[in-house]
């Protein structure tokens, strides 16, 4: 992973586009990491991974069953009371 200041990124964007094809480029502004430039291939891989994870979570929730309308209302009301 490469770290670069925002000004450097702006001045040499084409260079860092090439770097991002091989490894992520972390952009820093005022000493904070604010963005990551990565290849489209890596982005698509991460998106597929995320989709697969949430798909499995949805299947598990479906297997466990759903809350009834009354149970959902009770859960939401209890959550609001805890936060208040």
PDB file of N, CA and C in Angstrom:
ATOM      1  N   UNK A   1       0.844  -1.165   0.000  1.00  0.00           N
ATOM      2  CA  UNK A   1       0.000   0.000   0.000  1.00  0.00           C
ATOM      3  C   UNK A   1       0.895   1.236   0.000  1.00  0.00           C
ATOM      4  N   UNK A   2       0.524   2.218  -0.818  1.00  0.00           N
ATOM      5  CA  UNK A   2       1.282   3.452  -0.949  1.00  0.00           C
ATOM      6  C   UNK A   2       0.487   4.577  -0.295  1.00  0.00           C
ATOM      7  N   UNK A   3       1.165   5.417   0.477  1.00  0.00           N
ATOM      8  CA  UNK A   3       0.546   6.602   1.070  1.00  0.00           C
ATOM      9  C   UNK A   3       1.045   7.827   0.322  1.00  0.00           C
ATOM     10  N   UNK A   4       0.123   8.750   0.038  1.00  0.00           N
ATOM     11  CA  UNK A   4       0.486   9.957  -0.693  1.00  0.00           C
ATOM     12  C   UNK A   4      -0.336  11.137  -0.174  1.00  0.00           C
ATOM     13  N   UNK A   5       0.302  12.293  -0.131  1.00  0.00           N
ATOM     14  CA  UNK A   5      -0.385  13.520   0.257  1.00  0.00           C
ATOM     15  C   UNK A   5      -1.318  13.949  -0.875  1.00  0.00           C
ATOM     16  N   UNK A   6      -2.408  14.609  -0.540  1.00  0.00           N
ATOM     17  CA  UNK A   6      -3.397  15.023  -1.538  1.00  0.00           C
ATOM     18  C   UNK A   6      -2.779  15.910  -2.619  1.00  0.00           C
ATOM     19  N   UNK A   7      -1.905  16.806  -2.229  1.00  0.00           N
ATOM     20  CA  UNK A   7      -1.257  17.689  -3.203  1.00  0.00           C
ATOM     21  C   UNK A   7      -0.410  16.889  -4.185  1.00  0.00           C
ATOM     22  N   UNK A   8       0.325  15.916  -3.670  1.00  0.00           N
ATOM     23  CA  UNK A   8       1.135  15.046  -4.527  1.00  0.00           C
ATOM     24  C   UNK A   8       0.229  14.258  -5.469  1.00  0.00           C
ATOM     25  N   UNK A   9      -0.892  13.774  -4.964  1.00  0.00           N
ATOM     26  CA  UNK A   9      -1.847  13.036  -5.799  1.00  0.00           C
ATOM     27  C   UNK A   9      -2.351  13.928  -6.927  1.00  0.00           C
ATOM     28  N   UNK A  10      -2.703  15.148  -6.597  1.00  0.00           N
ATOM     29  CA  UNK A  10      -3.199  16.088  -7.605  1.00  0.00           C
ATOM     30  C   UNK A  10      -2.141  16.341  -8.675  1.00  0.00           C
ATOM     31  N   UNK A  11      -0.910  16.537  -8.255  1.00  0.00           N
ATOM     32  CA  UNK A  11       0.164  16.873  -9.196  1.00  0.00           C
ATOM     33  C   UNK A  11       0.608  15.696 -10.061  1.00  0.00           C
ATOM     34  N   UNK A  12       0.425  14.469  -9.557  1.00  0.00           N
ATOM     35  CA  UNK A  12       0.928  13.284 -10.287  1.00  0.00           C
ATOM     36  C   UNK A  12      -0.150  12.208 -10.421  1.00  0.00           C
ATOM     37  N   UNK A  13      -1.371  12.662 -10.698  1.00  0.00           N
ATOM     38  CA  UNK A  13      -2.510  11.742 -10.723  1.00  0.00           C
ATOM     39  C   UNK A  13      -2.308  10.569 -11.681  1.00  0.00           C
ATOM     40  N   UNK A  14      -1.818  10.839 -12.874  1.00  0.00           N
ATOM     41  CA  UNK A  14      -1.592   9.771 -13.855  1.00  0.00           C
ATOM     42  C   UNK A  14      -0.656   8.696 -13.322  1.00  0.00           C
ATOM     43  N   UNK A  15       0.398   9.120 -12.650  1.00  0.00           N
ATOM     44  CA  UNK A  15       1.345   8.178 -12.058  1.00  0.00           C
ATOM     45  C   UNK A  15       0.641   7.287 -11.038  1.00  0.00           C
ATOM     46  N   UNK A  16      -0.159   7.903 -10.156  1.00  0.00           N
ATOM     47  CA  UNK A  16      -0.809   7.122  -9.102  1.00  0.00           C
ATOM     48  C   UNK A  16      -1.940   6.245  -9.637  1.00  0.00           C
ATOM     49  N   UNK A  17      -2.512   6.617 -10.785  1.00  0.00           N
ATOM     50  CA  UNK A  17      -3.456   5.707 -11.439  1.00  0.00           C
ATOM     51  C   UNK A  17      -2.744   4.417 -11.829  1.00  0.00           C
ATOM     52  N   UNK A  18      -1.533   4.537 -12.330  1.00  0.00           N
ATOM     53  CA  UNK A  18      -0.751   3.352 -12.693  1.00  0.00           C
ATOM     54  C   UNK A  18      -0.384   2.535 -11.457  1.00  0.00           C
ATOM     55  N   UNK A  19       0.008   3.200 -10.384  1.00  0.00           N
ATOM     56  CA  UNK A  19       0.348   2.511  -9.137  1.00  0.00           C
ATOM     57  C   UNK A  19      -0.858   1.735  -8.620  1.00  0.00           C
ATOM     58  N   UNK A  20      -2.043   2.355  -8.714  1.00  0.00           N
ATOM     59  CA  UNK A  20      -3.264   1.730  -8.190  1.00  0.00           C
ATOM     60  C   UNK A  20      -3.623   0.437  -8.919  1.00  0.00           C
ATOM     61  N   UNK A  21      -3.096   0.229 -10.107  1.00  0.00           N
ATOM     62  CA  UNK A  21      -3.340  -1.034 -10.800  1.00  0.00           C
ATOM     63  C   UNK A  21      -2.654  -2.192 -10.103  1.00  0.00           C
ATOM     64  N   UNK A  22      -1.628  -1.895  -9.318  1.00  0.00           N
ATOM     65  CA  UNK A  22      -0.837  -2.920  -8.644  1.00  0.00           C
ATOM     66  C   UNK A  22      -1.141  -2.998  -7.149  1.00  0.00           C
ATOM     67  N   UNK A  23      -1.372  -1.824  -6.525  1.00  0.00           N
ATOM     68  CA  UNK A  23      -1.637  -1.787  -5.087  1.00  0.00           C
ATOM     69  C   UNK A  23      -2.446  -0.540  -4.746  1.00  0.00           C
ATOM     70  N   UNK A  24      -3.199  -0.596  -3.650  1.00  0.00           N
ATOM     71  CA  UNK A  24      -4.007   0.568  -3.256  1.00  0.00           C
ATOM     72  C   UNK A  24      -3.126   1.779  -2.931  1.00  0.00           C
ATOM     73  N   UNK A  25      -3.663   2.957  -3.215  1.00  0.00           N
ATOM     74  CA  UNK A  25      -2.987   4.213  -2.912  1.00  0.00           C
ATOM     75  C   UNK A  25      -3.856   4.964  -1.896  1.00  0.00           C
ATOM     76  N   UNK A  26      -3.320   5.189  -0.706  1.00  0.00           N
ATOM     77  CA  UNK A  26      -4.033   5.899   0.353  1.00  0.00           C
ATOM     78  C   UNK A  26      -3.703   7.378   0.238  1.00  0.00           C
ATOM     79  N   UNK A  27      -4.745   8.200   0.175  1.00  0.00           N
ATOM     80  CA  UNK A  27      -4.571   9.642   0.049  1.00  0.00           C
ATOM     81  C   UNK A  27      -4.753  10.284   1.415  1.00  0.00           C
ATOM     82  N   UNK A  28      -3.767  11.113   1.792  1.00  0.00           N
ATOM     83  CA  UNK A  28      -3.799  11.800   3.081  1.00  0.00           C
ATOM     84  C   UNK A  28      -3.991  13.296   2.871  1.00  0.00           C
ATOM     85  N   UNK A  29      -4.821  13.877   3.728  1.00  0.00           N
ATOM     86  CA  UNK A  29      -5.018  15.320   3.713  1.00  0.00           C
ATOM     87  C   UNK A  29      -5.012  15.785   5.158  1.00  0.00           C
ATOM     88  N   UNK A  30      -4.225  16.782   5.454  1.00  0.00           N
ATOM     89  CA  UNK A  30      -4.032  17.293   6.821  1.00  0.00           C
ATOM     90  C   UNK A  30      -3.761  16.141   7.791  1.00  0.00           C
ATOM     91  N   UNK A  31      -2.835  15.285   7.376  1.00  0.00           N
ATOM     92  CA  UNK A  31      -2.364  14.152   8.191  1.00  0.00           C
ATOM     93  C   UNK A  31      -3.448  13.142   8.554  1.00  0.00           C
ATOM     94  N   UNK A  32      -4.495  13.067   7.751  1.00  0.00           N
ATOM     95  CA  UNK A  32      -5.528  12.049   7.948  1.00  0.00           C
ATOM     96  C   UNK A  32      -5.727  11.283   6.644  1.00  0.00           C
ATOM     97  N   UNK A  33      -5.912   9.983   6.763  1.00  0.00           N
ATOM     98  CA  UNK A  33      -6.198   9.171   5.581  1.00  0.00           C
ATOM     99  C   UNK A  33      -7.653   9.424   5.193  1.00  0.00           C
ATOM    100  N   UNK A  34      -7.872   9.929   3.971  1.00  0.00           N
ATOM    101  CA  UNK A  34      -9.221  10.338   3.580  1.00  0.00           C
ATOM    102  C   UNK A  34      -9.804   9.553   2.406  1.00  0.00           C
ATOM    103  N   UNK A  35      -8.967   8.882   1.637  1.00  0.00           N
ATOM    104  CA  UNK A  35      -9.477   8.162   0.472  1.00  0.00           C
ATOM    105  C   UNK A  35      -8.492   7.078   0.061  1.00  0.00           C
ATOM    106  N   UNK A  36      -9.005   6.145  -0.741  1.00  0.00           N
ATOM    107  CA  UNK A  36      -8.159   5.091  -1.296  1.00  0.00           C
ATOM    108  C   UNK A  36      -8.442   4.994  -2.783  1.00  0.00           C
ATOM    109  N   UNK A  37      -7.393   4.980  -3.563  1.00  0.00           N
ATOM    110  CA  UNK A  37      -7.491   4.766  -5.001  1.00  0.00           C
ATOM    111  C   UNK A  37      -7.074   3.327  -5.253  1.00  0.00           C
ATOM    112  N   UNK A  38      -7.954   2.569  -5.908  1.00  0.00           N
ATOM    113  CA  UNK A  38      -7.650   1.159  -6.181  1.00  0.00           C
ATOM    114  C   UNK A  38      -8.087   0.813  -7.589  1.00  0.00           C
ATOM    115  N   UNK A  39      -7.597  -0.299  -8.063  1.00  0.00           N
ATOM    116  CA  UNK A  39      -7.957  -0.731  -9.413  1.00  0.00           C
ATOM    117  C   UNK A  39      -9.422  -1.146  -9.455  1.00  0.00           C
ATOM    118  N   UNK A  40      -9.997  -1.069 -10.628  1.00  0.00           N
ATOM    119  CA  UNK A  40     -11.384  -1.502 -10.815  1.00  0.00           C
ATOM    120  C   UNK A  40     -11.508  -2.993 -10.511  1.00  0.00           C
ATOM    121  N   UNK A  41     -10.486  -3.758 -10.868  1.00  0.00           N
ATOM    122  CA  UNK A  41     -10.507  -5.207 -10.608  1.00  0.00           C
ATOM    123  C   UNK A  41     -10.614  -5.471  -9.105  1.00  0.00           C
ATOM    124  N   UNK A  42      -9.847  -4.725  -8.292  1.00  0.00           N
ATOM    125  CA  UNK A  42      -9.898  -4.898  -6.840  1.00  0.00           C
ATOM    126  C   UNK A  42     -11.242  -4.429  -6.285  1.00  0.00           C
ATOM    127  N   UNK A  43     -11.751  -3.331  -6.804  1.00  0.00           N
ATOM    128  CA  UNK A  43     -13.060  -2.830  -6.373  1.00  0.00           C
ATOM    129  C   UNK A  43     -14.145  -3.867  -6.655  1.00  0.00           C
ATOM    130  N   UNK A  44     -14.130  -4.441  -7.842  1.00  0.00           N
ATOM    131  CA  UNK A  44     -15.126  -5.455  -8.201  1.00  0.00           C
ATOM    132  C   UNK A  44     -14.997  -6.689  -7.316  1.00  0.00           C
ATOM    133  N   UNK A  45     -13.767  -7.084  -6.983  1.00  0.00           N
ATOM    134  CA  UNK A  45     -13.555  -8.226  -6.088  1.00  0.00           C
ATOM    135  C   UNK A  45     -14.153  -7.943  -4.717  1.00  0.00           C
ATOM    136  N   UNK A  46     -13.898  -6.759  -4.193  1.00  0.00           N
ATOM    137  CA  UNK A  46     -14.433  -6.394  -2.881  1.00  0.00           C
ATOM    138  C   UNK A  46     -15.960  -6.307  -2.896  1.00  0.00           C
ATOM    139  N   UNK A  47     -16.518  -5.813  -3.993  1.00  0.00           N
ATOM    140  CA  UNK A  47     -17.971  -5.729  -4.129  1.00  0.00           C
ATOM    141  C   UNK A  47     -18.594  -7.121  -4.150  1.00  0.00           C
ATOM    142  N   UNK A  48     -17.977  -8.045  -4.899  1.00  0.00           N
ATOM    143  CA  UNK A  48     -18.481  -9.430  -4.928  1.00  0.00           C
ATOM    144  C   UNK A  48     -18.409 -10.061  -3.542  1.00  0.00           C
ATOM    145  N   UNK A  49     -17.311  -9.821  -2.837  1.00  0.00           N
ATOM    146  CA  UNK A  49     -17.149 -10.350  -1.491  1.00  0.00           C
ATOM    147  C   UNK A  49     -18.225  -9.802  -0.552  1.00  0.00           C
ATOM    148  N   UNK A  50     -18.467  -8.504  -0.633  1.00  0.00           N
ATOM    149  CA  UNK A  50     -19.488  -7.862   0.191  1.00  0.00           C
ATOM    150  C   UNK A  50     -20.878  -8.414  -0.142  1.00  0.00           C
ATOM    151  N   UNK A  51     -21.181  -8.549  -1.428  1.00  0.00           N
ATOM    152  CA  UNK A  51     -22.470  -9.101  -1.847  1.00  0.00           C
ATOM    153  C   UNK A  51     -22.653 -10.530  -1.346  1.00  0.00           C
ATOM    154  N   UNK A  52     -21.603 -11.333  -1.428  1.00  0.00           N
ATOM    155  CA  UNK A  52     -21.678 -12.717  -0.960  1.00  0.00           C
ATOM    156  C   UNK A  52     -21.924 -12.760   0.545  1.00  0.00           C
ATOM    157  N   UNK A  53     -21.242 -11.919   1.289  1.00  0.00           N
ATOM    158  CA  UNK A  53     -21.416 -11.870   2.743  1.00  0.00           C
ATOM    159  C   UNK A  53     -22.866 -11.538   3.106  1.00  0.00           C
ATOM    160  N   UNK A  54     -23.394 -10.457   2.515  1.00  0.00           N
ATOM    161  CA  UNK A  54     -24.765 -10.059   2.853  1.00  0.00           C
ATOM    162  C   UNK A  54     -25.785 -11.047   2.322  1.00  0.00           C
ATOM    163  N   UNK A  55     -25.482 -11.715   1.219  1.00  0.00           N
ATOM    164  CA  UNK A  55     -26.370 -12.770   0.729  1.00  0.00           C
ATOM    165  C   UNK A  55     -26.464 -13.918   1.716  1.00  0.00           C
ATOM    166  N   UNK A  56     -25.315 -14.309   2.271  1.00  0.00           N
ATOM    167  CA  UNK A  56     -25.310 -15.377   3.285  1.00  0.00           C
ATOM    168  C   UNK A  56     -26.047 -14.943   4.544  1.00  0.00           C
ATOM    169  N   UNK A  57     -25.859 -13.690   4.960  1.00  0.00           N
ATOM    170  CA  UNK A  57     -26.579 -13.169   6.134  1.00  0.00           C
ATOM    171  C   UNK A  57     -28.085 -13.195   5.900  1.00  0.00           C
ATOM    172  N   UNK A  58     -28.517 -12.851   4.681  1.00  0.00           N
ATOM    173  CA  UNK A  58     -29.943 -12.858   4.354  1.00  0.00           C
ATOM    174  C   UNK A  58     -30.494 -14.278   4.380  1.00  0.00           C
ATOM    175  N   UNK A  59     -29.731 -15.233   3.845  1.00  0.00           N
ATOM    176  CA  UNK A  59     -30.170 -16.634   3.881  1.00  0.00           C
ATOM    177  C   UNK A  59     -30.303 -17.131   5.317  1.00  0.00           C
ATOM    178  N   UNK A  60     -29.339 -16.775   6.166  1.00  0.00           N
ATOM    179  CA  UNK A  60     -29.391 -17.187   7.569  1.00  0.00           C
ATOM    180  C   UNK A  60     -30.599 -16.577   8.265  1.00  0.00           C
ATOM    181  N   UNK A  61     -30.870 -15.319   7.992  1.00  0.00           N
ATOM    182  CA  UNK A  61     -32.031 -14.660   8.604  1.00  0.00           C
ATOM    183  C   UNK A  61     -33.321 -15.314   8.141  1.00  0.00           C
ATOM    184  N   UNK A  62     -33.377 -15.678   6.874  1.00  0.00           N
ATOM    185  CA  UNK A  62     -34.563 -16.329   6.339  1.00  0.00           C
ATOM    186  C   UNK A  62     -34.769 -17.694   6.995  1.00  0.00           C
ATOM    187  N   UNK A  63     -33.687 -18.419   7.211  1.00  0.00           N
ATOM    188  CA  UNK A  63     -33.745 -19.725   7.855  1.00  0.00           C
ATOM    189  C   UNK A  63     -34.234 -19.608   9.294  1.00  0.00           C
ATOM    190  N   UNK A  64     -33.772 -18.571   9.992  1.00  0.00           N
ATOM    191  CA  UNK A  64     -34.158 -18.364  11.390  1.00  0.00           C
ATOM    192  C   UNK A  64     -35.595 -17.871  11.524  1.00  0.00           C
ATOM    193  N   UNK A  65     -36.150 -17.345  10.464  1.00  0.00           N
ATOM    194  CA  UNK A  65     -37.512 -16.834  10.491  1.00  0.00           C
ATOM    195  C   UNK A  65     -37.533 -15.330  10.676  1.00  0.00           C
ATOM    196  N   UNK A  66     -38.704 -14.779  10.457  1.00  0.00           N
ATOM    197  CA  UNK A  66     -38.865 -13.335  10.534  1.00  0.00           C
ATOM    198  C   UNK A  66     -39.671 -12.965  11.762  1.00  0.00           C
ATOM    199  N   UNK A  67     -39.529 -11.723  12.196  1.00  0.00           N
ATOM    200  CA  UNK A  67     -40.348 -11.215  13.282  1.00  0.00           C
ATOM    201  C   UNK A  67     -41.734 -10.880  12.741  1.00  0.00           C
ATOM    202  N   UNK A  68     -42.730 -11.040  13.594  1.00  0.00           N
ATOM    203  CA  UNK A  68     -44.070 -10.619  13.197  1.00  0.00           C
ATOM    204  C   UNK A  68     -44.125  -9.095  13.240  1.00  0.00           C
ATOM    205  N   UNK A  69     -45.205  -8.540  12.739  1.00  0.00           N
ATOM    206  CA  UNK A  69     -45.375  -7.093  12.779  1.00  0.00           C
ATOM    207  C   UNK A  69     -45.337  -6.569  14.204  1.00  0.00           C
ATOM    208  N   UNK A  70     -46.009  -7.275  15.105  1.00  0.00           N
ATOM    209  CA  UNK A  70     -46.037  -6.857  16.516  1.00  0.00           C
ATOM    210  C   UNK A  70     -44.646  -6.954  17.140  1.00  0.00           C
ATOM    211  N   UNK A  71     -43.909  -8.020  16.816  1.00  0.00           N
ATOM    212  CA  UNK A  71     -42.555  -8.179  17.354  1.00  0.00           C
ATOM    213  C   UNK A  71     -41.624  -7.086  16.830  1.00  0.00           C
ATOM    214  N   UNK A  72     -41.790  -6.742  15.561  1.00  0.00           N
ATOM    215  CA  UNK A  72     -40.975  -5.683  14.971  1.00  0.00           C
ATOM    216  C   UNK A  72     -41.260  -4.354  15.665  1.00  0.00           C
ATOM    217  N   UNK A  73     -42.530  -4.047  15.858  1.00  0.00           N
ATOM    218  CA  UNK A  73     -42.921  -2.800  16.530  1.00  0.00           C
ATOM    219  C   UNK A  73     -42.356  -2.762  17.946  1.00  0.00           C
ATOM    220  N   UNK A  74     -42.458  -3.864  18.658  1.00  0.00           N
ATOM    221  CA  UNK A  74     -41.934  -3.942  20.031  1.00  0.00           C
ATOM    222  C   UNK A  74     -40.416  -3.736  20.047  1.00  0.00           C
ATOM    223  N   UNK A  75     -39.722  -4.342  19.104  1.00  0.00           N
ATOM    224  CA  UNK A  75     -38.274  -4.203  19.018  1.00  0.00           C
ATOM    225  C   UNK A  75     -37.881  -2.748  18.771  1.00  0.00           C
ATOM    226  N   UNK A  76     -38.570  -2.107  17.830  1.00  0.00           N
ATOM    227  CA  UNK A  76     -38.253  -0.707  17.505  1.00  0.00           C
ATOM    228  C   UNK A  76     -38.539   0.197  18.698  1.00  0.00           C
ATOM    229  N   UNK A  77     -39.664  -0.012  19.330  1.00  0.00           N
ATOM    230  CA  UNK A  77     -40.004   0.824  20.493  1.00  0.00           C
ATOM    231  C   UNK A  77     -39.003   0.622  21.612  1.00  0.00           C
ATOM    232  N   UNK A  78     -38.561  -0.596  21.848  1.00  0.00           N
ATOM    233  CA  UNK A  78     -37.574  -0.871  22.901  1.00  0.00           C
ATOM    234  C   UNK A  78     -36.242  -0.211  22.542  1.00  0.00           C
ATOM    235  N   UNK A  79     -35.875  -0.225  21.274  1.00  0.00           N
ATOM    236  CA  UNK A  79     -34.630   0.392  20.841  1.00  0.00           C
ATOM    237  C   UNK A  79     -34.665   1.908  21.057  1.00  0.00           C
ATOM    238  N   UNK A  80     -35.789   2.508  20.773  1.00  0.00           N
ATOM    239  CA  UNK A  80     -35.928   3.955  20.953  1.00  0.00           C
ATOM    240  C   UNK A  80     -35.870   4.308  22.434  1.00  0.00           C
ATOM    241  N   UNK A  81     -36.488   3.509  23.276  1.00  0.00           N
ATOM    242  CA  UNK A  81     -36.469   3.771  24.719  1.00  0.00           C
ATOM    243  C   UNK A  81     -35.053   3.676  25.272  1.00  0.00           C
ATOM    244  N   UNK A  82     -34.270   2.734  24.781  1.00  0.00           N
ATOM    245  CA  UNK A  82     -32.899   2.551  25.272  1.00  0.00           C
ATOM    246  C   UNK A  82     -32.054   3.764  24.903  1.00  0.00           C
ATOM    247  N   UNK A  83     -32.247   4.316  23.717  1.00  0.00           N
ATOM    248  CA  UNK A  83     -31.445   5.448  23.258  1.00  0.00           C
ATOM    249  C   UNK A  83     -31.875   6.756  23.911  1.00  0.00           C
ATOM    250  N   UNK A  84     -33.115   6.843  24.343  1.00  0.00           N
ATOM    251  CA  UNK A  84     -33.612   8.109  24.908  1.00  0.00           C
ATOM    252  C   UNK A  84     -33.058   8.400  26.278  1.00  0.00           C
TER     253      UNK A  84
END
